[in-house]
Amino acid sequence: MRTDMEWWTEVRRRVLTGELSKRGACREYDLGWHTLTKILAHPEPPGYRLSRPRKRPKLESFLPIIHQILEEDGKQPPKQRHTVKRIVERLRDEHGYDGGETIVKDAVRAWRQSRREVFVPLSHPPGEAQVDFGEATVRLAGEPTKVALFVMTLPYSGAIFIQVFPRECTETFHEGHARAFSFFGGVPKRISYDNSAIAVTKVLRGRERMLTKEFLRLRSHYLFQEHF
C-alpha cells in the first residue's frame, strides 16, 4: 500500500501539470476543496516523516477477502460490481469486521492502482526522459580515478545531458537533475530509472516501489512522474 507522501505527490503532479482538473481530483480522490488546496500549496504533508507504511491491524486479516471480491468483480458487468460501501457491509455481515470504511476504501484503491499498468511501454513519446547514474573511470591528473556519471537522455529527440561528480550520493543525484532540467529548459513529464538505492528502498510487486524520502521530495518539487 502506498505511503501518504506518494499519494500526496501524485495528486499534486496530476493537478499542477494539468493532467487532472481540481474538480476531477476532488471526485477521484474523494477530497474536500480545502484539503486539495493544502495539497497543492505544499510539496509534502505538513510534519511529514517517511517511515515504513503504517500497518492497519484491523484490516490486515480481511485483505484476502477484499481482493477476492475485487477479482470476482472483474468478471461481472460494471453495474453488478461492488461499491466500497457494499464491500464493508459484506465484511461486517459475513466476516465480523468492525472497522471503518475509510481504510477499506484505501485498500480497494491500492488494489486497483496496482493493476493499472499491465504492459511495458516500448515507445518514448515527447516529454519523457531516462536517467542513469553510476560509476565511470576517467584519467584525472594522469591517474585513473573513479567518478560518478549522471546521464539524462530524451529518447524521442536523442538529446543528452552528462555531468561528472566526484561521488555517487543523494546530493549529486539531486544536483544532476537540477542541472539537466536547466540544460533542457524544462522538466520531463515522466522519467525512467533503474532501481538505484538512492531512489528505491524496496522493490515491491510489479512496478511498485517503496521510495526514499529524498526522492519523494525531489519528485514532489519538480512534479514529474517516475517509472522503474
Protein backbone atom coordinates (compact mmCIF):
# COMPACT_ATOMS: atom_id res chain seq x y z
CA MET A 1 0.00 0.00 0.00
CA ARG A 2 1.31 3.45 -0.89
CA THR A 3 2.55 5.89 1.72
CA ASP A 4 0.81 9.21 2.40
CA MET A 5 3.69 11.02 0.68
CA GLU A 6 3.33 9.00 -2.52
CA TRP A 7 -0.42 9.66 -2.64
CA TRP A 8 0.13 13.36 -1.84
CA THR A 9 2.69 13.86 -4.63
CA GLU A 10 0.55 12.00 -7.17
CA VAL A 11 -2.35 14.39 -6.56
CA ARG A 12 -0.01 17.41 -6.84
CA ARG A 13 1.61 16.20 -10.04
CA ARG A 14 -1.64 15.37 -11.82
CA VAL A 15 -3.35 18.66 -10.94
CA LEU A 16 -0.40 21.05 -11.26
CA THR A 17 0.66 19.61 -14.63
CA GLY A 18 -2.87 19.91 -15.99
CA GLU A 19 -3.47 16.16 -16.30
CA LEU A 20 -6.45 16.40 -13.94
CA SER A 21 -8.70 19.33 -13.05
CA LYS A 22 -9.20 20.39 -9.44
CA ARG A 23 -12.81 19.27 -9.52
CA GLY A 24 -11.76 15.99 -11.09
CA ALA A 25 -9.19 15.45 -8.33
CA CYS A 26 -11.78 16.09 -5.64
CA ARG A 27 -14.05 13.48 -7.23
CA GLU A 28 -11.39 10.85 -7.98
CA TYR A 29 -9.57 11.09 -4.65
CA ASP A 30 -12.64 11.93 -2.54
CA LEU A 31 -11.12 15.22 -1.34
CA GLY A 32 -12.64 18.38 0.03
CA TRP A 33 -11.74 21.67 -1.67
CA HIS A 34 -9.82 22.89 1.41
CA THR A 35 -7.77 19.67 1.56
CA LEU A 36 -6.91 19.85 -2.15
CA THR A 37 -5.84 23.49 -1.78
CA LYS A 38 -3.49 22.48 1.05
CA ILE A 39 -2.01 19.63 -1.03
CA LEU A 40 -1.31 21.94 -3.97
CA ALA A 41 0.33 24.52 -1.72
CA HIS A 42 2.81 22.15 -0.02
CA PRO A 43 5.30 19.73 -1.69
CA GLU A 44 4.85 17.32 1.23
CA PRO A 45 2.32 16.76 4.01
CA PRO A 46 2.87 19.15 6.98
CA GLY A 47 5.06 17.38 9.55
CA TYR A 48 5.78 14.54 7.12
CA ARG A 49 8.36 11.99 8.11
CA LEU A 50 8.78 8.98 5.88
CA SER A 51 8.84 5.63 7.63
CA ARG A 52 7.52 2.18 6.94
CA PRO A 53 3.94 2.16 5.62
CA ARG A 54 1.52 2.23 8.52
CA LYS A 55 0.16 -1.15 9.43
CA ARG A 56 -3.60 -1.46 9.64
CA PRO A 57 -4.14 -4.36 12.05
CA LYS A 58 -7.94 -4.12 11.87
CA LEU A 59 -7.88 -4.71 8.13
CA GLU A 60 -4.87 -6.99 7.68
CA SER A 61 -6.75 -10.28 8.01
CA PHE A 62 -9.56 -9.07 5.73
CA LEU A 63 -7.36 -8.07 2.78
CA PRO A 64 -7.51 -11.52 1.10
CA ILE A 65 -11.32 -11.35 1.25
CA ILE A 66 -11.37 -7.85 -0.25
CA HIS A 67 -9.00 -8.90 -3.02
CA GLN A 68 -11.12 -11.97 -3.80
CA ILE A 69 -14.26 -9.82 -4.08
CA LEU A 70 -12.47 -7.43 -6.44
CA GLU A 71 -11.07 -10.27 -8.54
CA GLU A 72 -14.57 -11.73 -8.95
CA ASP A 73 -15.94 -8.27 -9.79
CA GLY A 74 -13.66 -8.19 -12.81
CA LYS A 75 -15.77 -10.95 -14.37
CA GLN A 76 -19.05 -9.11 -13.80
CA PRO A 77 -20.75 -6.29 -15.75
CA PRO A 78 -19.84 -2.85 -14.30
CA LYS A 79 -23.30 -2.27 -12.81
CA GLN A 80 -23.08 -5.53 -10.85
CA ARG A 81 -19.73 -4.82 -9.21
CA HIS A 82 -19.30 -3.98 -5.53
CA THR A 83 -19.13 -0.44 -4.23
CA VAL A 84 -16.84 0.20 -1.25
CA LYS A 85 -19.94 0.52 0.94
CA ARG A 86 -21.19 -2.89 -0.18
CA ILE A 87 -17.78 -4.47 0.48
CA VAL A 88 -17.80 -3.04 4.02
CA GLU A 89 -21.32 -4.40 4.56
CA ARG A 90 -20.23 -7.87 3.44
CA LEU A 91 -17.15 -7.77 5.65
CA ARG A 92 -19.29 -6.85 8.65
CA ASP A 93 -22.18 -9.25 7.97
CA GLU A 94 -20.21 -12.26 6.74
CA HIS A 95 -16.80 -11.94 8.44
CA GLY A 96 -17.26 -9.91 11.63
CA TYR A 97 -15.35 -6.81 10.52
CA ASP A 98 -15.82 -3.91 12.96
CA GLY A 99 -13.50 -1.28 11.45
CA GLY A 100 -14.18 1.86 9.45
CA GLU A 101 -14.99 2.40 5.79
CA THR A 102 -12.04 4.69 5.00
CA ILE A 103 -9.31 2.06 5.37
CA VAL A 104 -11.34 -0.34 3.21
CA LYS A 105 -11.60 2.39 0.58
CA ASP A 106 -7.80 2.88 0.73
CA ALA A 107 -7.25 -0.86 0.29
CA VAL A 108 -9.60 -1.01 -2.71
CA ARG A 109 -7.88 1.98 -4.34
CA ALA A 110 -4.41 0.48 -3.78
CA TRP A 111 -5.51 -2.86 -5.30
CA ARG A 112 -6.98 -1.18 -8.38
CA GLN A 113 -3.96 1.05 -8.93
CA SER A 114 -1.57 -1.90 -8.64
CA ARG A 115 -3.30 -3.45 -11.66
CA ARG A 116 -3.46 -0.40 -13.91
CA GLU A 117 -0.18 -0.92 -15.76
CA VAL A 118 -0.08 -4.40 -17.27
CA PHE A 119 2.45 -3.90 -20.06
CA VAL A 120 5.88 -2.37 -20.60
CA PRO A 121 5.79 0.70 -22.86
CA LEU A 122 8.11 0.23 -25.83
CA SER A 123 7.82 3.73 -27.31
CA HIS A 124 9.06 7.05 -25.98
CA PRO A 125 6.65 9.94 -26.59
CA PRO A 126 7.89 13.55 -26.44
CA GLY A 127 8.43 14.81 -22.92
CA GLU A 128 9.85 11.59 -21.44
CA ALA A 129 13.38 11.09 -20.12
CA GLN A 130 15.68 8.38 -18.85
CA VAL A 131 18.27 8.69 -16.09
CA ASP A 132 21.35 6.57 -15.47
CA PHE A 133 23.65 7.23 -12.53
CA GLY A 134 26.70 5.11 -11.89
CA GLU A 135 30.47 4.86 -11.74
CA ALA A 136 32.95 5.51 -14.51
CA THR A 137 36.74 5.60 -14.60
CA VAL A 138 38.50 8.65 -16.02
CA ARG A 139 42.07 9.88 -16.10
CA LEU A 140 42.42 12.80 -13.68
CA ALA A 141 45.86 14.45 -13.48
CA GLY A 142 47.18 11.40 -15.30
CA GLU A 143 45.77 8.93 -12.77
CA PRO A 144 42.80 6.52 -13.25
CA THR A 145 40.06 7.88 -10.99
CA LYS A 146 36.55 6.63 -10.25
CA VAL A 147 33.83 9.27 -10.63
CA ALA A 148 30.02 9.34 -10.64
CA LEU A 149 28.40 9.87 -14.03
CA PHE A 150 24.89 11.35 -14.14
CA VAL A 151 23.23 10.93 -17.55
CA MET A 152 19.76 12.15 -18.56
CA THR A 153 18.53 11.44 -22.09
CA LEU A 154 15.39 12.39 -24.02
CA PRO A 155 14.88 9.28 -26.20
CA TYR A 156 12.35 10.91 -28.52
CA SER A 157 14.77 13.61 -29.69
CA GLY A 158 18.06 11.94 -28.80
CA ALA A 159 19.13 14.90 -26.65
CA ILE A 160 21.55 14.02 -23.86
CA PHE A 161 22.98 15.67 -20.74
CA ILE A 162 26.03 14.29 -18.91
CA GLN A 163 27.55 15.55 -15.67
CA VAL A 164 30.54 14.15 -13.78
CA PHE A 165 30.60 14.28 -9.98
CA PRO A 166 33.29 13.22 -7.52
CA ARG A 167 30.99 10.65 -5.90
CA GLU A 168 27.60 8.97 -6.20
CA CYS A 169 25.25 10.15 -3.43
CA THR A 170 21.86 11.74 -2.83
CA GLU A 171 23.20 15.30 -3.13
CA THR A 172 24.85 14.71 -6.52
CA PHE A 173 21.79 12.74 -7.72
CA HIS A 174 19.60 15.78 -6.99
CA GLU A 175 22.14 18.24 -8.38
CA GLY A 176 22.31 16.21 -11.58
CA HIS A 177 18.55 16.57 -12.01
CA ALA A 178 18.64 20.33 -11.37
CA ARG A 179 21.43 20.87 -13.92
CA ALA A 180 19.78 18.62 -16.52
CA PHE A 181 16.45 20.45 -16.21
CA SER A 182 18.28 23.75 -16.59
CA PHE A 183 20.15 22.43 -19.64
CA PHE A 184 16.98 21.15 -21.33
CA GLY A 185 14.97 24.22 -20.34
CA GLY A 186 12.20 22.28 -18.64
CA VAL A 187 11.16 19.21 -16.66
CA PRO A 188 10.13 15.98 -18.45
CA LYS A 189 6.65 14.66 -17.75
CA ARG A 190 7.99 11.18 -16.93
CA ILE A 191 11.46 9.92 -16.07
CA SER A 192 12.57 6.27 -16.17
CA TYR A 193 15.10 4.93 -13.65
CA ASP A 194 16.77 1.71 -12.65
CA ASN A 195 16.40 0.53 -9.05
CA SER A 196 19.09 2.75 -7.56
CA ALA A 197 19.30 2.70 -3.76
CA ILE A 198 19.28 6.50 -3.87
CA ALA A 199 15.68 6.40 -5.11
CA VAL A 200 14.35 2.98 -4.05
CA THR A 201 14.36 1.41 -0.60
CA LYS A 202 12.43 -1.71 -1.59
CA VAL A 203 11.21 -3.37 -4.81
CA LEU A 204 7.61 -4.49 -4.42
CA ARG A 205 5.30 -6.37 -6.80
CA GLY A 206 5.39 -5.42 -10.48
CA ARG A 207 6.41 -1.79 -10.93
CA GLU A 208 5.57 -0.78 -7.37
CA ARG A 209 8.47 0.62 -5.35
CA MET A 210 8.97 1.90 -1.82
CA LEU A 211 10.76 5.21 -2.45
CA THR A 212 13.29 7.09 -0.36
CA LYS A 213 12.24 10.24 1.48
CA GLU A 214 14.61 12.43 -0.54
CA PHE A 215 13.45 11.06 -3.90
CA LEU A 216 9.82 11.71 -2.95
CA ARG A 217 10.75 15.30 -2.14
CA LEU A 218 12.58 15.69 -5.46
CA ARG A 219 9.56 14.33 -7.33
CA SER A 220 7.09 16.49 -5.42
CA HIS A 221 9.16 19.63 -6.06
CA TYR A 222 9.58 19.14 -9.82
CA LEU A 223 6.23 17.33 -10.38
CA PHE A 224 7.49 14.62 -12.74
CA GLN A 225 6.18 11.05 -12.82
CA GLU A 226 8.69 8.29 -12.13
CA HIS A 227 8.89 4.93 -13.93
CA PHE A 228 11.05 1.96 -12.93
